[in-house]
Amino acid sequence: MSKKIVKGHMKHAVAVLLTAVILLASALTAYAEPILGYNSAVLLTKDGKAFDYREAAGQNLYEYDTLQGACANSGYGYFTLYNRNRENCRIVKVDLSSLNVVKVSAPLPIYHGNNLTYNTKKNLILATCCEVKTKRAVFIDPETLTVVSRKDIKLKRSKKIPKSVAKGFKGFTAIAYNEKHDCYVGRLRKNNNVIILDGNLNPVKYVKLKGKRTYLLSQGMESVGDYIYDVRSFKGKHKYNVATIHNMNGSYVGKLLLPYAQNPGIEVECIFHDGDSFYAGFYYTTSQKHDYKKYHVIRNNYIYKLNTD
């Protein structure tokens, strides 16, 4: 091989390495500060109308029709469609640039599917079952949308986990993967505080989230950089949607008010990010009290992109 060719290969390798270093630095500094607001919330639309991935995925109303958890990675979004009659979900994979549906999973044993999170180190989706008797995390392949493995999470009393918390453990309503710290943040069903788990879902410590709004309904979670985003929707007379923000030690940092803030019947289900882009997913129904077919209830699933620049 000539010296010119070798020199060319070396230049190319250096360029690739520098690009990788820049991307890594960008990933590590992304969201160094908490997202407390946004310049605009843009509804994702296709062909001149609001994009509802349930319709695009060919799923019928009153079957697999309701958004619960969502996550994203490398330009693809993954969205649950909950079937309240069968108590399971399908996952719909969507190209976020074209809004084309890439794949729809078979029914998956993830019960309510209240939260999805993407483990970028393992390249797997984790689903939270959100069911009282099931303290289980389900791992899903992002290409095939099939279950790869399951793990039952157990809490044992330790210096970092109080006896009362371990004894009263009734599972998680949401779990979010934090790429920076290679850990998970799990919100406890019983008291809405969190357990920090390592990258293999082994409990590490118990953290109290200070300044929570306990009268709001717990939805999904997100954890980016050094922050935890605890997603909550309206409940009763409190008709707004919000993500309360805490640092990894549980100190209250602030809150992110989300679109549809004053509208009953429209609840935020999740927020999620892909690189530097933040999204919020909403479920819209005409009635919370009469949510069944004879009342001709609307069940729409809308995704907003939050422009934070």
Protein backbone atom coordinates (compact mmCIF):
# COMPACT_ATOMS: atom_id res chain seq x y z
CA MET A 1 0.00 0.00 0.00
CA SER A 2 1.43 3.40 -0.94
CA LYS A 3 2.30 6.07 1.61
CA LYS A 4 -0.36 8.37 0.11
CA ILE A 5 -3.08 5.77 0.62
CA VAL A 6 -1.92 5.04 4.16
CA LYS A 7 -1.81 8.76 4.89
CA GLY A 8 -5.32 9.15 3.47
CA HIS A 9 -6.66 6.32 5.62
CA MET A 10 -5.05 7.89 8.70
CA LYS A 11 -6.65 11.27 7.97
CA HIS A 12 -10.01 9.60 7.53
CA ALA A 13 -9.63 7.66 10.79
CA VAL A 14 -8.66 10.84 12.67
CA ALA A 15 -11.67 12.67 11.20
CA VAL A 16 -14.00 9.85 12.25
CA LEU A 17 -12.48 9.85 15.75
CA LEU A 18 -12.83 13.62 16.09
CA THR A 19 -16.46 13.41 14.95
CA ALA A 20 -17.15 10.70 17.53
CA VAL A 21 -15.53 12.78 20.28
CA ILE A 22 -17.60 15.83 19.31
CA LEU A 23 -20.82 13.80 19.29
CA LEU A 24 -19.97 12.24 22.65
CA ALA A 25 -19.21 15.65 24.15
CA SER A 26 -22.48 16.97 22.76
CA ALA A 27 -24.38 14.02 24.25
CA LEU A 28 -22.79 14.50 27.66
CA THR A 29 -23.52 18.23 27.74
CA ALA A 30 -27.06 17.93 26.37
CA TYR A 31 -29.54 19.24 28.91
CA ALA A 32 -26.80 20.31 31.32
CA GLU A 33 -29.50 22.63 32.62
CA PRO A 34 -33.06 21.47 33.31
CA ILE A 35 -35.72 22.17 30.67
CA LEU A 36 -38.01 24.60 32.49
CA GLY A 37 -39.72 25.99 29.41
CA TYR A 38 -39.93 25.97 25.64
CA ASN A 39 -40.38 28.52 22.88
CA SER A 40 -43.13 26.60 21.14
CA ALA A 41 -44.94 23.29 21.24
CA VAL A 42 -45.52 22.09 17.69
CA LEU A 43 -48.16 19.45 17.02
CA LEU A 44 -46.81 16.77 14.68
CA THR A 45 -48.91 16.81 11.51
CA LYS A 46 -49.00 14.80 8.30
CA ASP A 47 -50.96 15.44 5.11
CA GLY A 48 -52.46 18.57 6.61
CA LYS A 49 -53.89 17.05 9.78
CA ALA A 50 -52.78 16.04 13.25
CA PHE A 51 -50.72 12.88 13.17
CA ASP A 52 -52.36 10.11 15.17
CA TYR A 53 -50.15 7.04 15.02
CA ARG A 54 -53.07 4.82 16.01
CA GLU A 55 -54.80 5.57 12.70
CA ALA A 56 -51.53 5.35 10.77
CA ALA A 57 -50.86 1.94 12.32
CA GLY A 58 -54.28 0.66 11.24
CA GLN A 59 -55.53 -0.01 14.76
CA ASN A 60 -59.25 0.26 15.52
CA LEU A 61 -60.93 2.31 18.20
CA TYR A 62 -61.96 0.41 21.33
CA GLU A 63 -59.15 -2.08 20.75
CA TYR A 64 -55.49 -1.00 20.69
CA ASP A 65 -56.19 2.70 20.76
CA THR A 66 -54.67 4.59 23.72
CA LEU A 67 -51.25 6.18 24.17
CA GLN A 68 -49.49 5.40 27.44
CA GLY A 69 -45.68 5.23 27.33
CA ALA A 70 -43.28 6.39 24.62
CA CYS A 71 -39.54 6.70 24.01
CA ALA A 72 -37.22 7.45 21.11
CA ASN A 73 -33.73 6.85 19.77
CA SER A 74 -31.82 7.63 16.57
CA GLY A 75 -34.76 9.26 14.82
CA TYR A 76 -37.38 6.64 15.69
CA GLY A 77 -40.21 6.95 18.18
CA TYR A 78 -41.78 3.98 19.97
CA PHE A 79 -45.36 4.42 21.18
CA THR A 80 -47.66 2.11 23.11
CA LEU A 81 -51.29 1.48 22.20
CA TYR A 82 -53.11 0.15 25.25
CA ASN A 83 -56.06 -2.26 24.98
CA ARG A 84 -58.07 -1.83 28.16
CA ASN A 85 -60.19 -4.92 27.42
CA ARG A 86 -57.25 -7.28 27.08
CA GLU A 87 -54.89 -5.43 29.43
CA ASN A 88 -51.92 -5.48 27.08
CA CYS A 89 -50.31 -3.23 24.47
CA ARG A 90 -48.92 -3.03 20.99
CA ILE A 91 -45.90 -0.86 20.25
CA VAL A 92 -45.81 1.27 17.11
CA LYS A 93 -42.42 2.27 15.68
CA VAL A 94 -42.50 5.60 13.80
CA ASP A 95 -39.89 7.43 11.73
CA LEU A 96 -40.00 10.84 13.41
CA SER A 97 -38.82 12.73 10.33
CA SER A 98 -41.33 11.32 7.83
CA LEU A 99 -43.97 10.17 10.37
CA ASN A 100 -44.18 6.88 8.53
CA VAL A 101 -45.07 3.82 10.57
CA VAL A 102 -42.17 1.38 10.35
CA LYS A 103 -43.56 -1.53 12.33
CA VAL A 104 -46.43 -2.53 14.62
CA SER A 105 -45.78 -5.18 17.24
CA ALA A 106 -47.95 -8.12 18.13
CA PRO A 107 -49.76 -7.80 21.50
CA LEU A 108 -47.13 -7.61 24.23
CA PRO A 109 -47.40 -8.71 27.90
CA ILE A 110 -46.69 -5.27 29.33
CA TYR A 111 -50.12 -4.71 30.88
CA HIS A 112 -50.81 -0.96 31.03
CA GLY A 113 -47.51 -0.04 29.38
CA ASN A 114 -47.44 3.15 31.42
CA ASN A 115 -43.87 4.02 30.49
CA LEU A 116 -41.29 3.13 27.86
CA THR A 117 -37.64 4.07 28.10
CA TYR A 118 -34.70 3.42 25.78
CA ASN A 119 -31.47 1.99 27.18
CA THR A 120 -28.89 3.30 24.70
CA LYS A 121 -26.11 1.16 26.19
CA LYS A 122 -27.97 -2.13 25.79
CA ASN A 123 -29.94 -0.91 22.73
CA LEU A 124 -33.19 -2.17 24.21
CA ILE A 125 -36.57 -0.70 25.10
CA LEU A 126 -37.75 -1.23 28.65
CA ALA A 127 -41.48 -1.25 29.40
CA THR A 128 -43.04 -0.67 32.82
CA CYS A 129 -46.03 -2.94 33.37
CA CYS A 130 -47.67 -0.67 35.99
CA GLU A 131 -49.66 -3.48 37.55
CA VAL A 132 -49.97 -4.01 41.29
CA LYS A 133 -48.90 -7.65 41.39
CA THR A 134 -46.21 -7.35 38.71
CA LYS A 135 -42.94 -5.76 39.79
CA ARG A 136 -41.54 -6.57 36.38
CA ALA A 137 -39.54 -4.83 33.70
CA VAL A 138 -39.90 -6.16 30.16
CA PHE A 139 -37.10 -5.68 27.61
CA ILE A 140 -38.08 -5.32 23.94
CA ASP A 141 -35.94 -5.41 20.80
CA PRO A 142 -36.36 -2.08 18.93
CA GLU A 143 -36.03 -3.78 15.52
CA THR A 144 -38.34 -6.77 15.90
CA LEU A 145 -40.55 -5.26 18.66
CA THR A 146 -40.55 -8.62 20.42
CA VAL A 147 -39.84 -9.43 24.07
CA VAL A 148 -36.20 -10.27 24.67
CA SER A 149 -36.27 -10.82 28.41
CA ARG A 150 -38.06 -10.01 31.66
CA LYS A 151 -36.75 -9.11 35.07
CA ASP A 152 -38.66 -9.13 38.35
CA ILE A 153 -37.38 -6.30 40.52
CA LYS A 154 -37.02 -6.95 44.24
CA LEU A 155 -36.27 -4.47 46.99
CA LYS A 156 -34.30 -5.48 50.05
CA ARG A 157 -33.67 -3.39 53.10
CA SER A 158 -30.22 -1.81 53.08
CA LYS A 159 -28.44 1.32 54.29
CA LYS A 160 -29.83 3.14 51.25
CA ILE A 161 -33.33 1.63 51.22
CA PRO A 162 -35.45 1.95 54.40
CA LYS A 163 -37.23 -1.08 55.75
CA SER A 164 -40.67 0.53 55.36
CA VAL A 165 -40.00 1.20 51.66
CA ALA A 166 -38.78 -2.34 50.96
CA LYS A 167 -41.64 -3.91 52.92
CA GLY A 168 -44.31 -1.78 51.25
CA PHE A 169 -42.94 -2.18 47.71
CA LYS A 170 -45.80 -2.55 45.21
CA GLY A 171 -43.91 -1.99 41.98
CA PHE A 172 -43.23 1.00 39.78
CA THR A 173 -45.57 3.25 37.86
CA ALA A 174 -42.71 4.38 35.60
CA ILE A 175 -39.02 3.74 35.00
CA ALA A 176 -36.69 6.04 33.04
CA TYR A 177 -33.17 5.23 31.83
CA ASN A 178 -30.52 7.91 32.39
CA GLU A 179 -27.77 7.67 29.79
CA LYS A 180 -25.30 9.98 31.53
CA HIS A 181 -25.28 7.95 34.76
CA ASP A 182 -26.09 4.56 33.18
CA CYS A 183 -28.86 4.03 35.68
CA TYR A 184 -32.64 3.82 35.94
CA VAL A 185 -35.02 5.96 37.96
CA GLY A 186 -38.13 4.09 39.10
CA ARG A 187 -41.16 5.85 40.57
CA LEU A 188 -42.73 3.86 43.40
CA ARG A 189 -46.43 3.09 43.22
CA LYS A 190 -46.98 3.55 46.94
CA ASN A 191 -45.62 7.05 47.61
CA ASN A 192 -44.46 8.47 44.23
CA ASN A 193 -40.85 8.78 45.39
CA VAL A 194 -38.12 7.00 43.44
CA ILE A 195 -35.59 4.21 43.59
CA ILE A 196 -32.33 4.67 41.71
CA LEU A 197 -31.32 1.38 40.08
CA ASP A 198 -28.05 0.55 38.35
CA GLY A 199 -27.78 -0.35 34.67
CA ASN A 200 -28.83 -3.92 35.45
CA LEU A 201 -31.91 -2.87 37.46
CA ASN A 202 -30.37 -3.61 40.85
CA PRO A 203 -31.69 -1.15 43.47
CA VAL A 204 -29.08 1.34 44.66
CA LYS A 205 -30.86 3.94 46.80
CA TYR A 206 -34.16 5.50 47.78
CA VAL A 207 -34.73 9.16 46.92
CA LYS A 208 -37.56 11.39 48.13
CA LEU A 209 -38.81 13.85 45.53
CA LYS A 210 -39.36 17.12 47.32
CA GLY A 211 -42.05 19.60 46.33
CA LYS A 212 -44.29 17.11 44.49
CA ARG A 213 -47.87 17.84 43.54
CA THR A 214 -49.54 14.81 45.08
CA TYR A 215 -53.03 15.68 43.83
CA LEU A 216 -51.99 15.18 40.23
CA LEU A 217 -52.12 11.87 38.38
CA SER A 218 -48.77 10.10 37.88
CA GLN A 219 -47.93 9.41 34.24
CA GLY A 220 -44.56 8.69 32.60
CA MET A 221 -41.03 9.72 33.56
CA GLU A 222 -37.89 10.93 31.84
CA SER A 223 -34.37 11.36 33.17
CA VAL A 224 -31.78 13.33 31.24
CA GLY A 225 -28.41 14.62 32.42
CA ASP A 226 -28.63 15.28 36.14
CA TYR A 227 -32.42 15.64 36.27
CA ILE A 228 -35.60 13.64 36.76
CA TYR A 229 -38.80 14.72 34.96
CA ASP A 230 -41.85 13.44 36.84
CA VAL A 231 -44.80 13.67 34.43
CA ARG A 232 -48.22 14.41 35.92
CA SER A 233 -51.60 15.18 34.43
CA PHE A 234 -54.78 16.78 35.72
CA LYS A 235 -56.86 15.10 38.39
CA GLY A 236 -60.19 16.33 39.70
CA LYS A 237 -60.41 20.11 39.73
CA HIS A 238 -56.70 20.58 38.96
CA LYS A 239 -56.89 20.81 35.19
CA TYR A 240 -53.36 21.15 33.94
CA ASN A 241 -50.42 19.02 32.82
CA VAL A 242 -46.93 19.37 34.19
CA ALA A 243 -43.55 17.70 34.63
CA THR A 244 -42.05 18.43 38.02
CA ILE A 245 -38.26 18.49 37.85
CA HIS A 246 -35.82 17.27 40.50
CA ASN A 247 -32.11 16.61 40.57
CA MET A 248 -30.80 13.12 41.15
CA ASN A 249 -30.79 13.71 44.91
CA GLY A 250 -34.49 14.59 44.89
CA SER A 251 -34.24 18.35 45.37
CA TYR A 252 -37.00 20.28 43.62
CA VAL A 253 -35.68 22.33 40.69
CA GLY A 254 -38.83 23.58 38.98
CA LYS A 255 -41.64 22.54 36.70
CA LEU A 256 -42.37 22.34 33.01
CA LEU A 257 -45.95 23.29 32.12
CA LEU A 258 -47.12 21.37 29.08
CA PRO A 259 -49.58 22.12 26.25
CA TYR A 260 -53.33 21.75 26.84
CA ALA A 261 -52.65 23.11 30.29
CA GLN A 262 -56.24 24.16 31.02
CA ASN A 263 -58.27 21.61 29.08
CA PRO A 264 -60.13 18.78 30.83
CA GLY A 265 -60.14 15.48 28.97
CA ILE A 266 -56.67 16.03 27.50
CA GLU A 267 -53.93 14.45 29.58
CA VAL A 268 -50.20 14.30 29.07
CA GLU A 269 -49.06 10.69 29.15
CA CYS A 270 -45.32 11.02 28.66
CA ILE A 271 -42.38 13.16 27.69
CA PHE A 272 -39.36 11.70 25.96
CA HIS A 273 -36.25 12.85 24.14
CA ASP A 274 -34.17 11.86 21.14
CA GLY A 275 -30.79 13.58 21.14
CA ASP A 276 -31.50 17.28 21.59
CA SER A 277 -35.20 16.98 20.73
CA PHE A 278 -37.89 16.81 23.40
CA TYR A 279 -41.41 15.51 22.79
CA ALA A 280 -44.65 15.26 24.76
CA GLY A 281 -47.41 12.71 24.12
CA PHE A 282 -51.10 13.41 24.86
CA TYR A 283 -54.22 11.32 25.03
CA TYR A 284 -57.42 13.15 24.17
CA THR A 285 -60.92 11.95 24.96
CA THR A 286 -64.28 13.69 25.03
CA SER A 287 -65.09 12.25 28.42
CA GLN A 288 -63.25 10.89 31.39
CA LYS A 289 -66.44 9.75 33.14
CA HIS A 290 -68.18 7.99 30.22
CA ASP A 291 -65.19 6.47 28.45
CA TYR A 292 -66.88 3.69 26.52
CA LYS A 293 -68.36 3.04 23.12
CA LYS A 294 -72.04 3.91 23.47
CA TYR A 295 -71.07 7.51 24.22
CA HIS A 296 -69.04 7.65 20.96
CA VAL A 297 -65.94 8.70 22.79
CA ILE A 298 -63.04 10.18 20.83
CA ARG A 299 -59.68 8.61 21.61
CA ASN A 300 -56.92 10.57 19.90
CA ASN A 301 -53.19 10.34 20.48
CA TYR A 302 -51.19 13.48 19.68
CA ILE A 303 -47.45 14.12 19.80
CA TYR A 304 -45.92 17.56 20.28
CA LYS A 305 -42.32 18.57 19.71
CA LEU A 306 -41.12 21.02 22.35
CA ASN A 307 -38.74 23.59 20.83
CA THR A 308 -36.39 24.49 23.65
CA ASP A 309 -33.80 26.57 21.73
